[in-house]
């Protein structure tokens, strides 16, 4: 209808929203083909209308984003900075990088050191059912950041003596 009415701005808005849903639907295939990273996949899962509907409002979005991706609640300073970005599009420093809109915030969130740490901690706990030793956490987190493949972390956990229950 917008196209028929000559409303090109609305047409572009609809196309942009449609591309976000397509990213969600196609992300598992792109991930399998090594076209995107797990980080990108997490970003797609947070950057769409369904996630916005579930987490009504900027307040809930910020808390849900931290909980879903980092496995924790934001500190007051983190929350304030993220809220300014999401709710008001104010350029703000988040995880030592400047974000001025929701897309930039999500990108910073899924590529920060806290993301890698949270993913390594979560996967280790899923497989071994206890907290990861600090030495392994530091090593695997850095290697995960370098290789950008979640399978690397999973493989490292699966070959440990702890996983084999020795």
C-alpha atoms as a PDB file:
ATOM      1  CA  UNK A   1       0.000   0.000   0.000  1.00  0.00           C
ATOM      2  CA  UNK A   2       2.845   2.367   0.861  1.00  0.00           C
ATOM      3  CA  UNK A   3       4.422   1.661  -2.522  1.00  0.00           C
ATOM      4  CA  UNK A   4       1.130   2.382  -4.307  1.00  0.00           C
ATOM      5  CA  UNK A   5       0.772   5.633  -2.379  1.00  0.00           C
ATOM      6  CA  UNK A   6       4.308   6.655  -3.327  1.00  0.00           C
ATOM      7  CA  UNK A   7       5.495   6.652   0.278  1.00  0.00           C
ATOM      8  CA  UNK A   8       9.084   5.589  -0.338  1.00  0.00           C
ATOM      9  CA  UNK A   9      10.158   6.221   3.246  1.00  0.00           C
ATOM     10  CA  UNK A  10       7.616   3.775   4.601  1.00  0.00           C
ATOM     11  CA  UNK A  11       8.529   1.254   1.889  1.00  0.00           C
ATOM     12  CA  UNK A  12      12.159   1.375   3.014  1.00  0.00           C
ATOM     13  CA  UNK A  13      11.091   0.998   6.653  1.00  0.00           C
ATOM     14  CA  UNK A  14       9.065  -2.114   5.807  1.00  0.00           C
ATOM     15  CA  UNK A  15      11.913  -3.547   3.757  1.00  0.00           C
ATOM     16  CA  UNK A  16      14.320  -2.960   6.642  1.00  0.00           C
ATOM     17  CA  UNK A  17      11.986  -4.650   9.142  1.00  0.00           C
ATOM     18  CA  UNK A  18      11.466  -7.538   6.721  1.00  0.00           C
ATOM     19  CA  UNK A  19      15.227  -8.005   6.410  1.00  0.00           C
ATOM     20  CA  UNK A  20      15.509  -8.310  10.206  1.00  0.00           C
ATOM     21  CA  UNK A  21      13.001 -11.188  10.225  1.00  0.00           C
ATOM     22  CA  UNK A  22      14.764 -12.815   7.276  1.00  0.00           C
ATOM     23  CA  UNK A  23      18.046 -12.600   9.179  1.00  0.00           C
ATOM     24  CA  UNK A  24      16.452 -14.484  12.085  1.00  0.00           C
ATOM     25  CA  UNK A  25      15.023 -17.179   9.832  1.00  0.00           C
ATOM     26  CA  UNK A  26      18.155 -17.663   7.735  1.00  0.00           C
ATOM     27  CA  UNK A  27      20.731 -17.273  10.500  1.00  0.00           C
ATOM     28  CA  UNK A  28      21.071 -20.986  11.274  1.00  0.00           C
ATOM     29  CA  UNK A  29      21.822 -21.722   7.625  1.00  0.00           C
ATOM     30  CA  UNK A  30      24.267 -18.841   7.343  1.00  0.00           C
ATOM     31  CA  UNK A  31      25.971 -20.023  10.523  1.00  0.00           C
ATOM     32  CA  UNK A  32      26.343 -23.555   9.185  1.00  0.00           C
ATOM     33  CA  UNK A  33      27.847 -22.163   5.989  1.00  0.00           C
ATOM     34  CA  UNK A  34      30.307 -19.986   7.972  1.00  0.00           C
ATOM     35  CA  UNK A  35      28.738 -16.849   6.495  1.00  0.00           C
ATOM     36  CA  UNK A  36      28.073 -15.396   9.955  1.00  0.00           C
ATOM     37  CA  UNK A  37      29.456 -15.943  13.434  1.00  0.00           C
ATOM     38  CA  UNK A  38      27.580 -17.049  16.538  1.00  0.00           C
ATOM     39  CA  UNK A  39      27.902 -13.437  17.693  1.00  0.00           C
ATOM     40  CA  UNK A  40      26.009 -12.242  14.621  1.00  0.00           C
ATOM     41  CA  UNK A  41      23.383 -14.900  15.162  1.00  0.00           C
ATOM     42  CA  UNK A  42      22.805 -13.686  18.725  1.00  0.00           C
ATOM     43  CA  UNK A  43      22.533 -10.143  17.418  1.00  0.00           C
ATOM     44  CA  UNK A  44      19.885 -11.164  14.882  1.00  0.00           C
ATOM     45  CA  UNK A  45      17.872 -12.856  17.620  1.00  0.00           C
ATOM     46  CA  UNK A  46      17.765  -9.597  19.606  1.00  0.00           C
ATOM     47  CA  UNK A  47      17.268  -7.160  16.745  1.00  0.00           C
ATOM     48  CA  UNK A  48      13.739  -7.841  15.549  1.00  0.00           C
ATOM     49  CA  UNK A  49      10.146  -6.948  16.286  1.00  0.00           C
ATOM     50  CA  UNK A  50       9.357 -10.182  18.130  1.00  0.00           C
ATOM     51  CA  UNK A  51      12.129  -9.622  20.671  1.00  0.00           C
ATOM     52  CA  UNK A  52      10.901  -6.044  21.042  1.00  0.00           C
ATOM     53  CA  UNK A  53       7.331  -7.238  21.580  1.00  0.00           C
ATOM     54  CA  UNK A  54       8.372  -9.781  24.210  1.00  0.00           C
ATOM     55  CA  UNK A  55      10.551  -7.218  26.011  1.00  0.00           C
ATOM     56  CA  UNK A  56       8.180  -4.271  25.864  1.00  0.00           C
ATOM     57  CA  UNK A  57      10.041  -1.000  26.161  1.00  0.00           C
ATOM     58  CA  UNK A  58      13.645   0.102  26.424  1.00  0.00           C
ATOM     59  CA  UNK A  59      13.924  -0.748  30.134  1.00  0.00           C
ATOM     60  CA  UNK A  60      13.054  -4.402  29.577  1.00  0.00           C
ATOM     61  CA  UNK A  61      15.046  -4.608  26.345  1.00  0.00           C
ATOM     62  CA  UNK A  62      18.274  -3.561  28.062  1.00  0.00           C
ATOM     63  CA  UNK A  63      17.773  -5.981  30.955  1.00  0.00           C
ATOM     64  CA  UNK A  64      16.820  -8.837  28.616  1.00  0.00           C
ATOM     65  CA  UNK A  65      19.764  -8.195  26.290  1.00  0.00           C
ATOM     66  CA  UNK A  66      22.229  -8.368  29.169  1.00  0.00           C
ATOM     67  CA  UNK A  67      20.564 -11.431  30.657  1.00  0.00           C
ATOM     68  CA  UNK A  68      20.238 -13.334  27.376  1.00  0.00           C
ATOM     69  CA  UNK A  69      23.706 -12.606  26.041  1.00  0.00           C
ATOM     70  CA  UNK A  70      25.862 -12.017  29.110  1.00  0.00           C
ATOM     71  CA  UNK A  71      23.956 -14.117  31.642  1.00  0.00           C
ATOM     72  CA  UNK A  72      23.750 -11.292  34.147  1.00  0.00           C
ATOM     73  CA  UNK A  73      21.972  -8.055  34.920  1.00  0.00           C
ATOM     74  CA  UNK A  74      23.653  -4.813  33.901  1.00  0.00           C
ATOM     75  CA  UNK A  75      25.351  -2.658  36.489  1.00  0.00           C
ATOM     76  CA  UNK A  76      23.682   0.703  37.107  1.00  0.00           C
ATOM     77  CA  UNK A  77      26.234   2.480  34.892  1.00  0.00           C
ATOM     78  CA  UNK A  78      25.857  -0.094  32.106  1.00  0.00           C
ATOM     79  CA  UNK A  79      22.086   0.137  32.314  1.00  0.00           C
ATOM     80  CA  UNK A  80      22.078   3.935  32.215  1.00  0.00           C
ATOM     81  CA  UNK A  81      24.390   4.032  29.194  1.00  0.00           C
ATOM     82  CA  UNK A  82      22.487   1.321  27.313  1.00  0.00           C
ATOM     83  CA  UNK A  83      19.131   2.878  28.111  1.00  0.00           C
ATOM     84  CA  UNK A  84      20.260   6.243  26.735  1.00  0.00           C
ATOM     85  CA  UNK A  85      21.286   4.563  23.502  1.00  0.00           C
ATOM     86  CA  UNK A  86      18.152   2.424  23.102  1.00  0.00           C
ATOM     87  CA  UNK A  87      15.538   4.891  24.277  1.00  0.00           C
ATOM     88  CA  UNK A  88      16.941   8.222  23.100  1.00  0.00           C
ATOM     89  CA  UNK A  89      19.564   7.360  20.445  1.00  0.00           C
ATOM     90  CA  UNK A  90      22.072   9.332  22.498  1.00  0.00           C
ATOM     91  CA  UNK A  91      25.713   8.553  21.653  1.00  0.00           C
ATOM     92  CA  UNK A  92      27.068   6.874  24.771  1.00  0.00           C
ATOM     93  CA  UNK A  93      30.044   4.737  25.720  1.00  0.00           C
ATOM     94  CA  UNK A  94      29.053   1.100  26.222  1.00  0.00           C
ATOM     95  CA  UNK A  95      31.809  -1.447  26.936  1.00  0.00           C
ATOM     96  CA  UNK A  96      34.449   1.156  25.981  1.00  0.00           C
ATOM     97  CA  UNK A  97      32.886   1.789  22.554  1.00  0.00           C
ATOM     98  CA  UNK A  98      30.485   4.471  21.397  1.00  0.00           C
ATOM     99  CA  UNK A  99      26.983   3.415  20.403  1.00  0.00           C
ATOM    100  CA  UNK A 100      24.339   5.819  19.171  1.00  0.00           C
ATOM    101  CA  UNK A 101      21.519   3.477  18.185  1.00  0.00           C
ATOM    102  CA  UNK A 102      20.110   0.031  18.867  1.00  0.00           C
ATOM    103  CA  UNK A 103      22.028  -1.680  16.047  1.00  0.00           C
ATOM    104  CA  UNK A 104      25.348  -0.338  17.278  1.00  0.00           C
ATOM    105  CA  UNK A 105      24.511  -1.282  20.868  1.00  0.00           C
ATOM    106  CA  UNK A 106      23.690  -4.867  19.885  1.00  0.00           C
ATOM    107  CA  UNK A 107      26.846  -5.128  17.795  1.00  0.00           C
ATOM    108  CA  UNK A 108      28.992  -3.885  20.681  1.00  0.00           C
ATOM    109  CA  UNK A 109      27.235  -6.230  23.100  1.00  0.00           C
ATOM    110  CA  UNK A 110      27.797  -9.381  21.034  1.00  0.00           C
ATOM    111  CA  UNK A 111      31.446  -8.556  20.308  1.00  0.00           C
ATOM    112  CA  UNK A 112      32.608  -7.419  23.758  1.00  0.00           C
ATOM    113  CA  UNK A 113      34.866  -9.449  26.044  1.00  0.00           C
ATOM    114  CA  UNK A 114      31.962 -10.012  28.425  1.00  0.00           C
ATOM    115  CA  UNK A 115      30.111 -11.857  25.642  1.00  0.00           C
ATOM    116  CA  UNK A 116      32.971 -14.291  25.085  1.00  0.00           C
ATOM    117  CA  UNK A 117      33.352 -14.853  28.797  1.00  0.00           C
ATOM    118  CA  UNK A 118      29.633 -15.472  29.275  1.00  0.00           C
ATOM    119  CA  UNK A 119      29.465 -17.939  26.397  1.00  0.00           C
ATOM    120  CA  UNK A 120      32.459 -19.932  27.633  1.00  0.00           C
ATOM    121  CA  UNK A 121      31.059 -19.988  31.163  1.00  0.00           C
ATOM    122  CA  UNK A 122      27.604 -21.040  29.966  1.00  0.00           C
ATOM    123  CA  UNK A 123      28.787 -23.834  27.681  1.00  0.00           C
ATOM    124  CA  UNK A 124      31.188 -25.182  30.286  1.00  0.00           C
ATOM    125  CA  UNK A 125      28.407 -25.258  32.854  1.00  0.00           C
ATOM    126  CA  UNK A 126      26.048 -26.952  30.377  1.00  0.00           C
ATOM    127  CA  UNK A 127      28.503 -29.782  29.725  1.00  0.00           C
ATOM    128  CA  UNK A 128      30.261 -30.215  33.066  1.00  0.00           C
ATOM    129  CA  UNK A 129      27.689 -28.812  35.535  1.00  0.00           C
ATOM    130  CA  UNK A 130      30.149 -26.728  37.496  1.00  0.00           C
ATOM    131  CA  UNK A 131      31.955 -23.433  37.172  1.00  0.00           C
ATOM    132  CA  UNK A 132      34.907 -23.248  34.825  1.00  0.00           C
ATOM    133  CA  UNK A 133      38.408 -22.938  36.337  1.00  0.00           C
ATOM    134  CA  UNK A 134      39.774 -19.391  35.894  1.00  0.00           C
ATOM    135  CA  UNK A 135      42.813 -20.555  33.932  1.00  0.00           C
ATOM    136  CA  UNK A 136      40.656 -22.368  31.369  1.00  0.00           C
ATOM    137  CA  UNK A 137      38.211 -19.486  31.200  1.00  0.00           C
ATOM    138  CA  UNK A 138      40.899 -16.981  30.343  1.00  0.00           C
ATOM    139  CA  UNK A 139      42.556 -19.234  27.747  1.00  0.00           C
ATOM    140  CA  UNK A 140      39.366 -20.382  26.026  1.00  0.00           C
ATOM    141  CA  UNK A 141      37.818 -16.915  26.070  1.00  0.00           C
ATOM    142  CA  UNK A 142      40.819 -15.429  24.262  1.00  0.00           C
ATOM    143  CA  UNK A 143      40.980 -18.276  21.785  1.00  0.00           C
ATOM    144  CA  UNK A 144      37.241 -18.066  21.139  1.00  0.00           C
ATOM    145  CA  UNK A 145      37.576 -14.340  20.418  1.00  0.00           C
ATOM    146  CA  UNK A 146      40.368 -15.111  17.937  1.00  0.00           C
ATOM    147  CA  UNK A 147      38.773 -18.023  16.066  1.00  0.00           C
ATOM    148  CA  UNK A 148      35.176 -16.715  16.253  1.00  0.00           C
ATOM    149  CA  UNK A 149      33.738 -20.252  16.229  1.00  0.00           C
ATOM    150  CA  UNK A 150      31.670 -21.558  19.107  1.00  0.00           C
ATOM    151  CA  UNK A 151      32.504 -25.130  18.126  1.00  0.00           C
ATOM    152  CA  UNK A 152      36.055 -24.493  19.249  1.00  0.00           C
ATOM    153  CA  UNK A 153      34.905 -23.884  22.824  1.00  0.00           C
ATOM    154  CA  UNK A 154      32.603 -26.883  22.755  1.00  0.00           C
ATOM    155  CA  UNK A 155      35.403 -29.104  21.459  1.00  0.00           C
ATOM    156  CA  UNK A 156      37.777 -27.877  24.182  1.00  0.00           C
ATOM    157  CA  UNK A 157      35.213 -28.749  26.848  1.00  0.00           C
ATOM    158  CA  UNK A 158      34.410 -32.156  25.394  1.00  0.00           C
ATOM    159  CA  UNK A 159      38.046 -33.274  25.394  1.00  0.00           C
ATOM    160  CA  UNK A 160      38.653 -32.398  29.042  1.00  0.00           C
ATOM    161  CA  UNK A 161      38.910 -35.057  31.724  1.00  0.00           C
ATOM    162  CA  UNK A 162      36.141 -33.275  33.624  1.00  0.00           C
ATOM    163  CA  UNK A 163      33.644 -33.884  30.825  1.00  0.00           C
ATOM    164  CA  UNK A 164      34.546 -37.535  30.614  1.00  0.00           C
ATOM    165  CA  UNK A 165      33.858 -37.775  34.373  1.00  0.00           C
ATOM    166  CA  UNK A 166      37.347 -39.077  35.193  1.00  0.00           C
END
